[in-house]
Amino acid sequence: MYIGVTNNLERRVYEHKNNIVKGFTSKYNVHQLVYYEETNDIYAALQREKQLKTCPHENGEMEPQMEVGTH
C-alpha cells in the first residue's frame, strides 16, 4: 500500500504504473489505484495523509489508500 499527496493524479498514476520514479511503488510493484480523495487545501491533504499513515486498522494494517489529490 502506498499513500501520498499529489497535485496531478493522472500524472502521478502514470509515473507509478511505469516505474518512472524509483521508490516504494516500483520496489513493491504497487500499480493499482484503489482509492483517492480530492481537496483544494494542501494543508488538509497533508494532514489527511499523515492521519492515514498513522491510523492502524483493526488487524494492524491500514485501509488501502493511494493518493490524496489537490487542485
N, C-alpha and C. Protein backbone atom coordinates (compact mmCIF):
# COMPACT_ATOMS: atom_id res chain seq x y z
N MET A 1 0.84 -1.16 0.00
CA MET A 1 0.00 0.00 0.00
C MET A 1 0.89 1.24 0.00
N TYR A 2 0.48 2.22 -0.79
CA TYR A 2 1.19 3.49 -0.88
C TYR A 2 0.20 4.61 -0.59
N ILE A 3 0.62 5.57 0.19
CA ILE A 3 -0.20 6.75 0.47
C ILE A 3 0.64 7.97 0.14
N GLY A 4 0.06 8.90 -0.61
CA GLY A 4 0.82 10.09 -0.98
C GLY A 4 -0.07 11.24 -1.36
N VAL A 5 0.55 12.40 -1.55
CA VAL A 5 -0.14 13.63 -1.93
C VAL A 5 0.40 14.06 -3.29
N THR A 6 -0.49 14.49 -4.18
CA THR A 6 -0.07 14.99 -5.49
C THR A 6 -1.00 16.10 -5.93
N ASN A 7 -0.52 16.95 -6.83
CA ASN A 7 -1.37 17.97 -7.40
C ASN A 7 -1.81 17.59 -8.82
N ASN A 8 -1.41 16.39 -9.28
CA ASN A 8 -1.78 15.91 -10.60
C ASN A 8 -1.91 14.39 -10.54
N LEU A 9 -3.10 13.91 -10.23
CA LEU A 9 -3.31 12.49 -10.01
C LEU A 9 -3.04 11.67 -11.27
N GLU A 10 -3.49 12.15 -12.42
CA GLU A 10 -3.27 11.41 -13.67
C GLU A 10 -1.78 11.21 -13.94
N ARG A 11 -0.98 12.27 -13.78
CA ARG A 11 0.46 12.16 -13.98
C ARG A 11 1.08 11.21 -12.97
N ARG A 12 0.67 11.32 -11.71
CA ARG A 12 1.26 10.50 -10.65
C ARG A 12 0.95 9.02 -10.86
N VAL A 13 -0.27 8.70 -11.25
CA VAL A 13 -0.62 7.30 -11.52
C VAL A 13 0.22 6.78 -12.68
N TYR A 14 0.39 7.59 -13.73
CA TYR A 14 1.23 7.20 -14.86
C TYR A 14 2.67 6.92 -14.40
N GLU A 15 3.21 7.80 -13.57
CA GLU A 15 4.57 7.62 -13.06
C GLU A 15 4.69 6.31 -12.27
N HIS A 16 3.71 6.03 -11.43
CA HIS A 16 3.75 4.80 -10.63
C HIS A 16 3.64 3.57 -11.51
N LYS A 17 2.69 3.58 -12.44
CA LYS A 17 2.47 2.41 -13.30
C LYS A 17 3.66 2.11 -14.19
N ASN A 18 4.42 3.14 -14.55
CA ASN A 18 5.56 2.97 -15.45
C ASN A 18 6.90 3.02 -14.73
N ASN A 19 6.88 2.96 -13.41
CA ASN A 19 8.10 2.95 -12.58
C ASN A 19 9.07 4.07 -12.97
N ILE A 20 8.52 5.25 -13.27
CA ILE A 20 9.34 6.39 -13.65
C ILE A 20 10.12 6.92 -12.45
N VAL A 21 9.48 6.98 -11.31
CA VAL A 21 10.13 7.43 -10.08
C VAL A 21 10.45 6.21 -9.24
N LYS A 22 11.71 5.99 -8.98
CA LYS A 22 12.11 4.84 -8.18
C LYS A 22 11.71 5.06 -6.73
N GLY A 23 11.23 4.02 -6.10
CA GLY A 23 10.83 4.13 -4.71
C GLY A 23 9.91 2.99 -4.34
N PHE A 24 9.01 3.26 -3.41
CA PHE A 24 8.12 2.25 -2.84
C PHE A 24 7.32 1.51 -3.90
N THR A 25 6.67 2.25 -4.81
CA THR A 25 5.78 1.59 -5.78
C THR A 25 6.54 0.72 -6.76
N SER A 26 7.72 1.14 -7.19
CA SER A 26 8.49 0.29 -8.10
C SER A 26 9.12 -0.89 -7.35
N LYS A 27 9.55 -0.66 -6.13
CA LYS A 27 10.17 -1.74 -5.33
C LYS A 27 9.18 -2.85 -5.01
N TYR A 28 7.95 -2.47 -4.65
CA TYR A 28 6.95 -3.46 -4.23
C TYR A 28 5.89 -3.73 -5.30
N ASN A 29 6.12 -3.19 -6.50
CA ASN A 29 5.23 -3.47 -7.64
C ASN A 29 3.78 -3.07 -7.35
N VAL A 30 3.60 -1.89 -6.77
CA VAL A 30 2.27 -1.36 -6.47
C VAL A 30 1.85 -0.48 -7.63
N HIS A 31 0.84 -0.92 -8.40
CA HIS A 31 0.49 -0.20 -9.62
C HIS A 31 -1.01 0.02 -9.80
N GLN A 32 -1.82 -0.31 -8.85
CA GLN A 32 -3.26 -0.16 -9.00
C GLN A 32 -3.80 0.89 -8.03
N LEU A 33 -4.46 1.90 -8.59
CA LEU A 33 -5.10 2.91 -7.77
C LEU A 33 -6.38 2.32 -7.19
N VAL A 34 -6.47 2.31 -5.87
CA VAL A 34 -7.61 1.71 -5.19
C VAL A 34 -8.58 2.78 -4.71
N TYR A 35 -8.05 3.91 -4.28
CA TYR A 35 -8.89 4.93 -3.65
C TYR A 35 -8.17 6.26 -3.71
N TYR A 36 -8.92 7.34 -3.85
CA TYR A 36 -8.32 8.66 -3.74
C TYR A 36 -9.33 9.66 -3.19
N GLU A 37 -8.83 10.74 -2.67
CA GLU A 37 -9.64 11.83 -2.16
C GLU A 37 -9.14 13.12 -2.80
N GLU A 38 -10.02 14.09 -2.98
CA GLU A 38 -9.63 15.37 -3.55
C GLU A 38 -9.89 16.50 -2.56
N THR A 39 -9.02 17.50 -2.61
CA THR A 39 -9.21 18.72 -1.83
C THR A 39 -8.44 19.84 -2.53
N ASN A 40 -8.85 21.06 -2.30
CA ASN A 40 -8.12 22.21 -2.82
C ASN A 40 -7.16 22.77 -1.79
N ASP A 41 -7.15 22.19 -0.61
CA ASP A 41 -6.36 22.69 0.51
C ASP A 41 -5.17 21.75 0.76
N ILE A 42 -3.96 22.19 0.38
CA ILE A 42 -2.77 21.36 0.53
C ILE A 42 -2.52 20.99 1.98
N TYR A 43 -2.82 21.89 2.90
CA TYR A 43 -2.61 21.60 4.32
C TYR A 43 -3.56 20.50 4.80
N ALA A 44 -4.79 20.53 4.33
CA ALA A 44 -5.75 19.47 4.66
C ALA A 44 -5.29 18.14 4.05
N ALA A 45 -4.75 18.19 2.84
CA ALA A 45 -4.26 16.97 2.18
C ALA A 45 -3.11 16.36 2.97
N LEU A 46 -2.17 17.20 3.40
CA LEU A 46 -1.03 16.70 4.18
C LEU A 46 -1.47 16.16 5.53
N GLN A 47 -2.44 16.81 6.15
CA GLN A 47 -2.96 16.33 7.43
C GLN A 47 -3.65 14.97 7.25
N ARG A 48 -4.44 14.84 6.18
CA ARG A 48 -5.13 13.57 5.90
C ARG A 48 -4.13 12.47 5.59
N GLU A 49 -3.09 12.79 4.84
CA GLU A 49 -2.04 11.81 4.53
C GLU A 49 -1.41 11.30 5.82
N LYS A 50 -1.07 12.21 6.71
CA LYS A 50 -0.47 11.82 8.00
C LYS A 50 -1.43 10.95 8.80
N GLN A 51 -2.72 11.33 8.81
CA GLN A 51 -3.73 10.55 9.53
C GLN A 51 -3.80 9.12 8.98
N LEU A 52 -3.82 8.98 7.67
CA LEU A 52 -3.92 7.65 7.06
C LEU A 52 -2.68 6.81 7.33
N LYS A 53 -1.53 7.45 7.35
CA LYS A 53 -0.28 6.71 7.56
C LYS A 53 -0.09 6.29 9.01
N THR A 54 -0.75 6.96 9.94
CA THR A 54 -0.54 6.64 11.36
C THR A 54 -1.72 5.94 12.01
N CYS A 55 -2.82 5.77 11.30
CA CYS A 55 -4.03 5.18 11.86
C CYS A 55 -4.10 3.69 11.50
N PRO A 56 -3.76 2.81 12.44
CA PRO A 56 -3.79 1.38 12.13
C PRO A 56 -5.23 0.85 12.02
N HIS A 57 -5.39 -0.13 11.20
CA HIS A 57 -6.67 -0.83 11.04
C HIS A 57 -6.81 -1.83 12.18
N GLU A 58 -7.97 -2.43 12.32
CA GLU A 58 -8.24 -3.39 13.41
C GLU A 58 -7.19 -4.49 13.48
N ASN A 59 -6.77 -5.01 12.32
CA ASN A 59 -5.83 -6.14 12.30
C ASN A 59 -4.37 -5.67 12.22
N GLY A 60 -4.12 -4.38 12.45
CA GLY A 60 -2.76 -3.88 12.42
C GLY A 60 -2.34 -3.33 11.08
N GLU A 61 -3.21 -3.41 10.08
CA GLU A 61 -2.89 -2.87 8.77
C GLU A 61 -3.80 -1.70 8.47
N MET A 62 -3.33 -0.80 7.62
CA MET A 62 -4.13 0.35 7.23
C MET A 62 -5.06 -0.02 6.08
N GLU A 63 -6.11 0.74 5.92
CA GLU A 63 -7.01 0.57 4.77
C GLU A 63 -6.23 0.86 3.49
N PRO A 64 -6.57 0.23 2.39
CA PRO A 64 -5.86 0.50 1.14
C PRO A 64 -6.16 1.92 0.64
N GLN A 65 -5.16 2.74 0.57
CA GLN A 65 -5.28 4.11 0.08
C GLN A 65 -4.10 4.36 -0.84
N MET A 66 -4.20 5.36 -1.73
CA MET A 66 -3.04 5.68 -2.52
C MET A 66 -2.75 7.16 -2.55
N GLU A 67 -3.54 7.92 -3.22
CA GLU A 67 -3.23 9.32 -3.42
C GLU A 67 -4.31 10.22 -2.83
N VAL A 68 -3.91 11.31 -2.28
CA VAL A 68 -4.83 12.38 -1.89
C VAL A 68 -4.50 13.53 -2.82
N GLY A 69 -5.38 13.82 -3.76
CA GLY A 69 -5.09 14.82 -4.79
C GLY A 69 -5.47 16.22 -4.35
N THR A 70 -4.73 17.19 -4.87
CA THR A 70 -5.07 18.59 -4.64
C THR A 70 -5.16 19.28 -5.99
N HIS A 71 -6.00 20.30 -6.06
CA HIS A 71 -6.15 21.06 -7.31
C HIS A 71 -5.83 22.49 -7.09
